[in-house]
Amino acid sequence: MAKNKYEKYFVRDAVGTMPPMAVENPLNSPFVAAGPELLKAIEGAVPNFALYYAMLAGMFMEPPHMHPNDEYLMFISSDPQDMKNLGAIVEVAFGSDWEKGVFSQSALVYFPKNLPHCPNHVKKMDRPFLFGHFWPMGKTSNFIPAP
């Protein structure tokens, strides 16, 4: 591919470079991710993201935790004919009282900094869906166990 003046804004070969946890989750596919080690190639870029397919129903492996920064979770339909229908029922826990939010449509879930969250539980699955997180900063050591 011929380089152009905007080539500096691309990160390529980001498959499986930054696992969200040290242990792989059998409920998920391999992932595409970019953290500080890849994004340092783009001057001024600081976000951290991972995106993979949730393949099976069950509890995500992340224990209850929080971050000193905002976090966004993405739950995206894999059906190009019906991007609204997630094809699954998902439960997400919020706050120190672990109040549950349940949804079955594609969703973006926002966690303000220092808000305890998780676990995420795929209660029912009709088909795999895309799952990802996005932190608008590049630090990787910001996973704090919830009180």
N, C-alpha and C. Protein backbone atom coordinates (compact mmCIF):
# COMPACT_ATOMS: atom_id res chain seq x y z
N MET A 1 0.85 -1.17 0.00
CA MET A 1 0.00 0.00 0.00
C MET A 1 0.90 1.24 0.00
N ALA A 2 0.61 2.15 -0.89
CA ALA A 2 1.38 3.39 -0.97
C ALA A 2 1.10 4.25 0.25
N LYS A 3 2.13 4.81 0.82
CA LYS A 3 1.95 5.68 1.98
C LYS A 3 1.49 7.06 1.53
N ASN A 4 0.68 7.69 2.35
CA ASN A 4 0.28 9.06 2.09
C ASN A 4 0.53 9.86 3.37
N LYS A 5 0.23 11.14 3.32
CA LYS A 5 0.54 11.99 4.47
C LYS A 5 -0.27 11.65 5.71
N TYR A 6 -1.34 10.87 5.56
CA TYR A 6 -2.16 10.49 6.71
C TYR A 6 -1.85 9.09 7.23
N GLU A 7 -0.91 8.42 6.64
CA GLU A 7 -0.54 7.07 7.07
C GLU A 7 -0.13 7.05 8.55
N LYS A 8 0.39 8.14 9.05
CA LYS A 8 0.82 8.20 10.45
C LYS A 8 -0.33 8.03 11.43
N TYR A 9 -1.57 8.12 10.98
CA TYR A 9 -2.72 8.00 11.86
C TYR A 9 -3.29 6.59 11.90
N PHE A 10 -2.65 5.62 11.28
CA PHE A 10 -3.12 4.24 11.27
C PHE A 10 -2.30 3.38 12.22
N VAL A 11 -2.97 2.46 12.89
CA VAL A 11 -2.31 1.39 13.63
C VAL A 11 -2.76 0.10 12.97
N ARG A 12 -1.83 -0.68 12.53
CA ARG A 12 -2.15 -1.95 11.86
C ARG A 12 -1.63 -3.11 12.69
N ASP A 13 -2.08 -4.31 12.36
CA ASP A 13 -1.62 -5.52 13.04
C ASP A 13 -1.86 -5.46 14.54
N ALA A 14 -3.07 -5.08 14.93
CA ALA A 14 -3.40 -4.94 16.34
C ALA A 14 -4.13 -6.17 16.87
N VAL A 15 -4.06 -7.30 16.20
CA VAL A 15 -4.80 -8.49 16.63
C VAL A 15 -4.10 -9.16 17.80
N GLY A 16 -4.81 -9.24 18.91
CA GLY A 16 -4.32 -9.98 20.07
C GLY A 16 -3.08 -9.43 20.71
N THR A 17 -2.83 -8.15 20.61
CA THR A 17 -1.60 -7.60 21.16
C THR A 17 -1.72 -7.18 22.61
N MET A 18 -2.93 -6.99 23.11
CA MET A 18 -3.07 -6.50 24.47
C MET A 18 -4.27 -7.18 25.13
N PRO A 19 -4.06 -8.34 25.75
CA PRO A 19 -5.21 -9.01 26.36
C PRO A 19 -5.79 -8.19 27.50
N PRO A 20 -7.13 -8.16 27.60
CA PRO A 20 -7.75 -7.42 28.71
C PRO A 20 -7.38 -8.01 30.06
N MET A 21 -7.13 -9.30 30.11
CA MET A 21 -6.70 -9.97 31.33
C MET A 21 -5.61 -10.96 30.94
N ALA A 22 -4.85 -11.42 31.90
CA ALA A 22 -3.75 -12.34 31.60
C ALA A 22 -4.25 -13.70 31.13
N VAL A 23 -5.45 -14.08 31.50
CA VAL A 23 -5.99 -15.39 31.17
C VAL A 23 -7.01 -15.23 30.05
N GLU A 24 -6.95 -16.08 29.03
CA GLU A 24 -7.94 -16.00 27.95
C GLU A 24 -9.28 -16.53 28.43
N ASN A 25 -10.35 -15.96 27.90
CA ASN A 25 -11.69 -16.34 28.29
C ASN A 25 -12.27 -17.27 27.23
N PRO A 26 -12.67 -18.48 27.58
CA PRO A 26 -13.21 -19.41 26.58
C PRO A 26 -14.56 -18.97 26.01
N LEU A 27 -15.19 -17.95 26.60
CA LEU A 27 -16.46 -17.45 26.07
C LEU A 27 -16.25 -16.50 24.90
N ASN A 28 -15.01 -16.08 24.66
CA ASN A 28 -14.74 -15.04 23.67
C ASN A 28 -13.82 -15.52 22.56
N SER A 29 -13.85 -14.78 21.46
CA SER A 29 -12.96 -15.02 20.33
C SER A 29 -11.61 -14.34 20.58
N PRO A 30 -10.65 -14.54 19.67
CA PRO A 30 -9.46 -13.67 19.71
C PRO A 30 -9.92 -12.22 19.55
N PHE A 31 -9.07 -11.26 19.86
CA PHE A 31 -9.51 -9.88 19.88
C PHE A 31 -8.57 -8.98 19.10
N VAL A 32 -9.07 -7.80 18.80
CA VAL A 32 -8.28 -6.74 18.22
C VAL A 32 -8.18 -5.68 19.31
N ALA A 33 -6.97 -5.22 19.58
CA ALA A 33 -6.79 -4.27 20.66
C ALA A 33 -5.65 -3.32 20.33
N ALA A 34 -5.69 -2.16 20.94
CA ALA A 34 -4.59 -1.21 20.82
C ALA A 34 -4.48 -0.45 22.12
N GLY A 35 -3.31 -0.49 22.69
CA GLY A 35 -3.02 0.25 23.90
C GLY A 35 -1.79 1.10 23.67
N PRO A 36 -1.16 1.54 24.73
CA PRO A 36 -0.04 2.47 24.61
C PRO A 36 1.10 1.95 23.74
N GLU A 37 1.35 0.63 23.78
CA GLU A 37 2.48 0.10 23.02
C GLU A 37 2.29 0.25 21.52
N LEU A 38 1.06 0.24 21.05
CA LEU A 38 0.80 0.45 19.62
C LEU A 38 0.51 1.91 19.31
N LEU A 39 -0.26 2.55 20.19
CA LEU A 39 -0.68 3.92 19.90
C LEU A 39 0.44 4.94 20.04
N LYS A 40 1.56 4.56 20.68
CA LYS A 40 2.66 5.51 20.77
C LYS A 40 3.20 5.86 19.39
N ALA A 41 2.87 5.03 18.39
CA ALA A 41 3.28 5.32 17.02
C ALA A 41 2.49 6.49 16.44
N ILE A 42 1.36 6.84 17.06
CA ILE A 42 0.55 7.96 16.58
C ILE A 42 0.68 9.10 17.58
N GLU A 43 1.37 10.13 17.18
CA GLU A 43 1.60 11.26 18.08
C GLU A 43 0.27 11.85 18.55
N GLY A 44 0.12 11.97 19.88
CA GLY A 44 -1.08 12.56 20.46
C GLY A 44 -2.20 11.58 20.75
N ALA A 45 -2.11 10.34 20.28
CA ALA A 45 -3.18 9.36 20.52
C ALA A 45 -2.99 8.71 21.88
N VAL A 46 -4.06 8.66 22.66
CA VAL A 46 -3.96 8.06 23.99
C VAL A 46 -5.05 7.04 24.32
N PRO A 47 -6.03 6.76 23.46
CA PRO A 47 -7.07 5.82 23.89
C PRO A 47 -6.56 4.39 23.98
N ASN A 48 -7.34 3.58 24.64
CA ASN A 48 -7.05 2.17 24.84
C ASN A 48 -8.34 1.43 24.49
N PHE A 49 -8.28 0.44 23.61
CA PHE A 49 -9.49 -0.27 23.26
C PHE A 49 -9.21 -1.74 23.00
N ALA A 50 -10.25 -2.54 23.10
CA ALA A 50 -10.21 -3.95 22.69
C ALA A 50 -11.59 -4.27 22.13
N LEU A 51 -11.62 -5.14 21.13
CA LEU A 51 -12.87 -5.53 20.49
C LEU A 51 -12.77 -7.00 20.11
N TYR A 52 -13.78 -7.79 20.51
CA TYR A 52 -13.80 -9.21 20.18
C TYR A 52 -15.24 -9.70 20.15
N TYR A 53 -15.44 -10.93 19.72
CA TYR A 53 -16.77 -11.53 19.71
C TYR A 53 -17.03 -12.24 21.02
N ALA A 54 -18.18 -11.98 21.63
CA ALA A 54 -18.67 -12.81 22.73
C ALA A 54 -19.30 -14.01 22.04
N MET A 55 -18.81 -15.20 22.32
CA MET A 55 -19.20 -16.40 21.58
C MET A 55 -20.23 -17.28 22.29
N LEU A 56 -20.25 -17.25 23.62
CA LEU A 56 -21.12 -18.12 24.40
C LEU A 56 -21.75 -17.34 25.55
N ALA A 57 -22.89 -17.79 26.00
CA ALA A 57 -23.50 -17.21 27.19
C ALA A 57 -22.65 -17.56 28.40
N GLY A 58 -22.73 -16.73 29.43
CA GLY A 58 -21.99 -16.98 30.66
C GLY A 58 -21.50 -15.68 31.27
N MET A 59 -20.77 -15.79 32.35
CA MET A 59 -20.25 -14.65 33.09
C MET A 59 -18.91 -14.23 32.49
N PHE A 60 -18.76 -12.95 32.17
CA PHE A 60 -17.45 -12.45 31.72
C PHE A 60 -16.48 -12.62 32.88
N MET A 61 -15.22 -12.76 32.58
CA MET A 61 -14.25 -13.10 33.62
C MET A 61 -13.77 -11.92 34.46
N GLU A 62 -14.09 -10.69 34.08
CA GLU A 62 -13.63 -9.55 34.86
C GLU A 62 -14.37 -9.49 36.19
N PRO A 63 -13.65 -9.49 37.30
CA PRO A 63 -14.31 -9.36 38.60
C PRO A 63 -14.77 -7.92 38.80
N PRO A 64 -15.60 -7.66 39.80
CA PRO A 64 -15.99 -6.28 40.08
C PRO A 64 -14.73 -5.41 40.25
N HIS A 65 -14.75 -4.26 39.58
CA HIS A 65 -13.58 -3.38 39.60
C HIS A 65 -14.00 -1.96 39.24
N MET A 66 -13.03 -1.05 39.23
CA MET A 66 -13.26 0.33 38.81
C MET A 66 -11.96 0.85 38.21
N HIS A 67 -12.02 2.05 37.64
CA HIS A 67 -10.87 2.66 37.00
C HIS A 67 -10.79 4.13 37.42
N PRO A 68 -9.58 4.70 37.46
CA PRO A 68 -9.45 6.12 37.75
C PRO A 68 -9.71 6.98 36.50
N ASN A 69 -10.40 6.40 35.54
CA ASN A 69 -10.74 7.09 34.30
C ASN A 69 -12.10 6.57 33.82
N ASP A 70 -12.72 7.30 32.92
CA ASP A 70 -13.98 6.84 32.33
C ASP A 70 -13.74 5.60 31.49
N GLU A 71 -14.78 4.77 31.36
CA GLU A 71 -14.71 3.59 30.50
C GLU A 71 -16.04 3.45 29.78
N TYR A 72 -15.98 2.97 28.55
CA TYR A 72 -17.17 2.70 27.75
C TYR A 72 -17.12 1.24 27.33
N LEU A 73 -18.23 0.53 27.49
CA LEU A 73 -18.34 -0.83 26.98
C LEU A 73 -19.29 -0.80 25.79
N MET A 74 -18.94 -1.57 24.76
CA MET A 74 -19.75 -1.62 23.54
C MET A 74 -20.27 -3.05 23.36
N PHE A 75 -21.54 -3.17 23.12
CA PHE A 75 -22.21 -4.44 22.84
C PHE A 75 -22.89 -4.25 21.49
N ILE A 76 -22.35 -4.86 20.44
CA ILE A 76 -22.75 -4.55 19.07
C ILE A 76 -23.25 -5.80 18.35
N SER A 77 -24.41 -5.71 17.74
CA SER A 77 -24.99 -6.82 16.98
C SER A 77 -24.04 -7.27 15.87
N SER A 78 -24.03 -8.56 15.61
CA SER A 78 -23.24 -9.09 14.50
C SER A 78 -24.11 -9.35 13.27
N ASP A 79 -25.37 -8.98 13.33
CA ASP A 79 -26.29 -9.19 12.21
C ASP A 79 -26.36 -7.93 11.36
N PRO A 80 -25.79 -7.93 10.16
CA PRO A 80 -25.81 -6.72 9.34
C PRO A 80 -27.21 -6.33 8.87
N GLN A 81 -28.17 -7.24 8.95
CA GLN A 81 -29.55 -6.94 8.58
C GLN A 81 -30.36 -6.37 9.73
N ASP A 82 -29.84 -6.50 10.95
CA ASP A 82 -30.55 -6.02 12.14
C ASP A 82 -29.53 -5.60 13.20
N MET A 83 -28.92 -4.46 13.01
CA MET A 83 -27.88 -3.99 13.92
C MET A 83 -28.41 -3.60 15.29
N LYS A 84 -29.72 -3.43 15.41
CA LYS A 84 -30.32 -3.05 16.69
C LYS A 84 -30.44 -4.26 17.63
N ASN A 85 -30.79 -5.43 17.09
CA ASN A 85 -31.01 -6.63 17.87
C ASN A 85 -29.67 -7.28 18.22
N LEU A 86 -29.30 -7.26 19.48
CA LEU A 86 -28.01 -7.81 19.91
C LEU A 86 -27.93 -9.31 19.71
N GLY A 87 -29.07 -10.01 19.78
CA GLY A 87 -29.04 -11.46 19.69
C GLY A 87 -28.64 -12.12 20.99
N ALA A 88 -28.76 -11.36 22.08
CA ALA A 88 -28.39 -11.86 23.40
C ALA A 88 -29.08 -11.01 24.46
N ILE A 89 -29.15 -11.55 25.66
CA ILE A 89 -29.61 -10.78 26.82
C ILE A 89 -28.42 -10.64 27.74
N VAL A 90 -28.08 -9.39 28.05
CA VAL A 90 -26.88 -9.09 28.84
C VAL A 90 -27.28 -8.33 30.10
N GLU A 91 -26.62 -8.67 31.19
CA GLU A 91 -26.81 -8.00 32.47
C GLU A 91 -25.48 -7.40 32.89
N VAL A 92 -25.49 -6.12 33.24
CA VAL A 92 -24.29 -5.41 33.68
C VAL A 92 -24.54 -4.87 35.08
N ALA A 93 -23.57 -5.03 35.98
CA ALA A 93 -23.71 -4.55 37.36
C ALA A 93 -23.01 -3.20 37.52
N PHE A 94 -23.67 -2.29 38.27
CA PHE A 94 -23.18 -0.93 38.51
C PHE A 94 -23.11 -0.63 39.99
N GLY A 95 -22.12 0.16 40.39
CA GLY A 95 -22.07 0.73 41.73
C GLY A 95 -21.75 -0.27 42.83
N SER A 96 -21.56 0.26 44.02
CA SER A 96 -21.21 -0.60 45.16
C SER A 96 -22.38 -1.47 45.60
N ASP A 97 -23.61 -1.12 45.17
CA ASP A 97 -24.77 -1.96 45.50
C ASP A 97 -25.05 -2.97 44.37
N TRP A 98 -24.24 -2.96 43.31
CA TRP A 98 -24.31 -3.90 42.19
C TRP A 98 -25.70 -3.95 41.55
N GLU A 99 -26.29 -2.75 41.36
CA GLU A 99 -27.57 -2.67 40.67
C GLU A 99 -27.40 -3.16 39.23
N LYS A 100 -28.35 -3.96 38.76
CA LYS A 100 -28.24 -4.59 37.44
C LYS A 100 -28.95 -3.77 36.36
N GLY A 101 -28.31 -3.66 35.22
CA GLY A 101 -28.92 -3.12 34.01
C GLY A 101 -29.01 -4.26 33.01
N VAL A 102 -30.17 -4.47 32.40
CA VAL A 102 -30.36 -5.60 31.48
C VAL A 102 -30.80 -5.04 30.13
N PHE A 103 -30.25 -5.59 29.05
CA PHE A 103 -30.62 -5.14 27.71
C PHE A 103 -30.46 -6.28 26.70
N SER A 104 -31.15 -6.13 25.56
CA SER A 104 -31.07 -7.11 24.49
C SER A 104 -30.85 -6.43 23.13
N GLN A 105 -30.58 -5.15 23.15
CA GLN A 105 -30.28 -4.42 21.93
C GLN A 105 -28.83 -3.93 21.98
N SER A 106 -28.27 -3.62 20.82
CA SER A 106 -26.92 -3.06 20.80
C SER A 106 -26.88 -1.88 21.76
N ALA A 107 -25.78 -1.75 22.49
CA ALA A 107 -25.72 -0.71 23.53
C ALA A 107 -24.29 -0.23 23.73
N LEU A 108 -24.19 1.02 24.15
CA LEU A 108 -22.95 1.60 24.65
C LEU A 108 -23.21 1.88 26.12
N VAL A 109 -22.37 1.37 26.99
CA VAL A 109 -22.54 1.54 28.43
C VAL A 109 -21.37 2.38 28.95
N TYR A 110 -21.69 3.44 29.66
CA TYR A 110 -20.69 4.37 30.18
C TYR A 110 -20.50 4.17 31.68
N PHE A 111 -19.26 4.08 32.11
CA PHE A 111 -18.92 4.01 33.52
C PHE A 111 -18.03 5.22 33.84
N PRO A 112 -18.55 6.21 34.58
CA PRO A 112 -17.69 7.33 34.98
C PRO A 112 -16.54 6.83 35.85
N LYS A 113 -15.46 7.57 35.87
CA LYS A 113 -14.30 7.16 36.66
C LYS A 113 -14.70 6.87 38.09
N ASN A 114 -14.06 5.86 38.67
CA ASN A 114 -14.24 5.43 40.06
C ASN A 114 -15.60 4.80 40.35
N LEU A 115 -16.42 4.53 39.33
CA LEU A 115 -17.69 3.84 39.57
C LEU A 115 -17.45 2.33 39.50
N PRO A 116 -17.65 1.60 40.60
CA PRO A 116 -17.48 0.15 40.53
C PRO A 116 -18.45 -0.45 39.51
N HIS A 117 -17.99 -1.46 38.79
CA HIS A 117 -18.81 -2.13 37.79
C HIS A 117 -18.33 -3.56 37.56
N CYS A 118 -19.18 -4.31 36.90
CA CYS A 118 -19.01 -5.72 36.61
C CYS A 118 -19.45 -6.53 37.82
N PRO A 119 -19.82 -7.76 37.66
CA PRO A 119 -19.56 -8.53 36.44
C PRO A 119 -20.57 -8.24 35.34
N ASN A 120 -20.21 -8.65 34.12
CA ASN A 120 -21.11 -8.65 32.98
C ASN A 120 -21.52 -10.09 32.76
N HIS A 121 -22.80 -10.30 32.55
CA HIS A 121 -23.31 -11.66 32.43
C HIS A 121 -24.16 -11.76 31.16
N VAL A 122 -23.73 -12.60 30.22
CA VAL A 122 -24.55 -12.89 29.04
C VAL A 122 -25.50 -14.00 29.48
N LYS A 123 -26.74 -13.62 29.77
CA LYS A 123 -27.71 -14.55 30.33
C LYS A 123 -28.28 -15.50 29.28
N LYS A 124 -28.40 -15.02 28.04
CA LYS A 124 -28.94 -15.83 26.95
C LYS A 124 -28.27 -15.35 25.66
N MET A 125 -27.94 -16.28 24.77
CA MET A 125 -27.32 -15.88 23.52
C MET A 125 -27.91 -16.67 22.36
N ASP A 126 -28.40 -15.93 21.35
CA ASP A 126 -28.88 -16.56 20.12
C ASP A 126 -27.79 -16.58 19.06
N ARG A 127 -26.86 -15.62 19.12
CA ARG A 127 -25.74 -15.57 18.17
C ARG A 127 -24.63 -14.73 18.81
N PRO A 128 -23.39 -14.91 18.36
CA PRO A 128 -22.29 -14.09 18.87
C PRO A 128 -22.54 -12.61 18.58
N PHE A 129 -21.95 -11.76 19.40
CA PHE A 129 -22.01 -10.31 19.18
C PHE A 129 -20.63 -9.73 19.45
N LEU A 130 -20.40 -8.54 18.94
CA LEU A 130 -19.14 -7.85 19.19
C LEU A 130 -19.20 -7.17 20.56
N PHE A 131 -18.12 -7.34 21.30
CA PHE A 131 -17.99 -6.70 22.61
C PHE A 131 -16.67 -5.96 22.64
N GLY A 132 -16.68 -4.80 23.24
CA GLY A 132 -15.41 -4.09 23.38
C GLY A 132 -15.45 -3.08 24.49
N HIS A 133 -14.27 -2.63 24.85
CA HIS A 133 -14.17 -1.52 25.80
C HIS A 133 -13.36 -0.41 25.16
N PHE A 134 -13.57 0.80 25.65
CA PHE A 134 -12.82 1.96 25.20
C PHE A 134 -12.52 2.84 26.40
N TRP A 135 -11.25 3.12 26.60
CA TRP A 135 -10.83 4.08 27.62
C TRP A 135 -10.21 5.25 26.88
N PRO A 136 -10.63 6.48 27.16
CA PRO A 136 -10.04 7.62 26.46
C PRO A 136 -8.70 8.04 27.07
N MET A 137 -7.88 7.04 27.37
CA MET A 137 -6.52 7.28 27.85
C MET A 137 -5.73 6.01 27.60
N GLY A 138 -4.44 6.06 27.64
CA GLY A 138 -3.64 4.93 27.22
C GLY A 138 -3.02 4.08 28.31
N LYS A 139 -3.33 4.33 29.56
CA LYS A 139 -2.72 3.56 30.63
C LYS A 139 -3.30 2.14 30.66
N THR A 140 -2.44 1.18 30.97
CA THR A 140 -2.93 -0.19 31.08
C THR A 140 -3.03 -0.64 32.54
N SER A 141 -2.41 0.03 33.46
CA SER A 141 -2.40 -0.40 34.86
C SER A 141 -3.46 0.34 35.67
N ASN A 142 -4.69 0.35 35.17
CA ASN A 142 -5.72 1.12 35.87
C ASN A 142 -6.91 0.25 36.27
N PHE A 143 -6.70 -1.03 36.46
CA PHE A 143 -7.73 -1.96 36.89
C PHE A 143 -7.63 -2.06 38.41
N ILE A 144 -8.64 -1.54 39.12
CA ILE A 144 -8.61 -1.50 40.58
C ILE A 144 -9.74 -2.38 41.11
N PRO A 145 -9.44 -3.40 41.91
CA PRO A 145 -10.52 -4.21 42.47
C PRO A 145 -11.51 -3.34 43.23
N ALA A 146 -12.79 -3.64 43.06
CA ALA A 146 -13.83 -2.86 43.72
C ALA A 146 -13.85 -3.17 45.21
N PRO A 147 -14.20 -2.16 46.04
CA PRO A 147 -14.26 -2.39 47.48
C PRO A 147 -15.41 -3.30 47.84
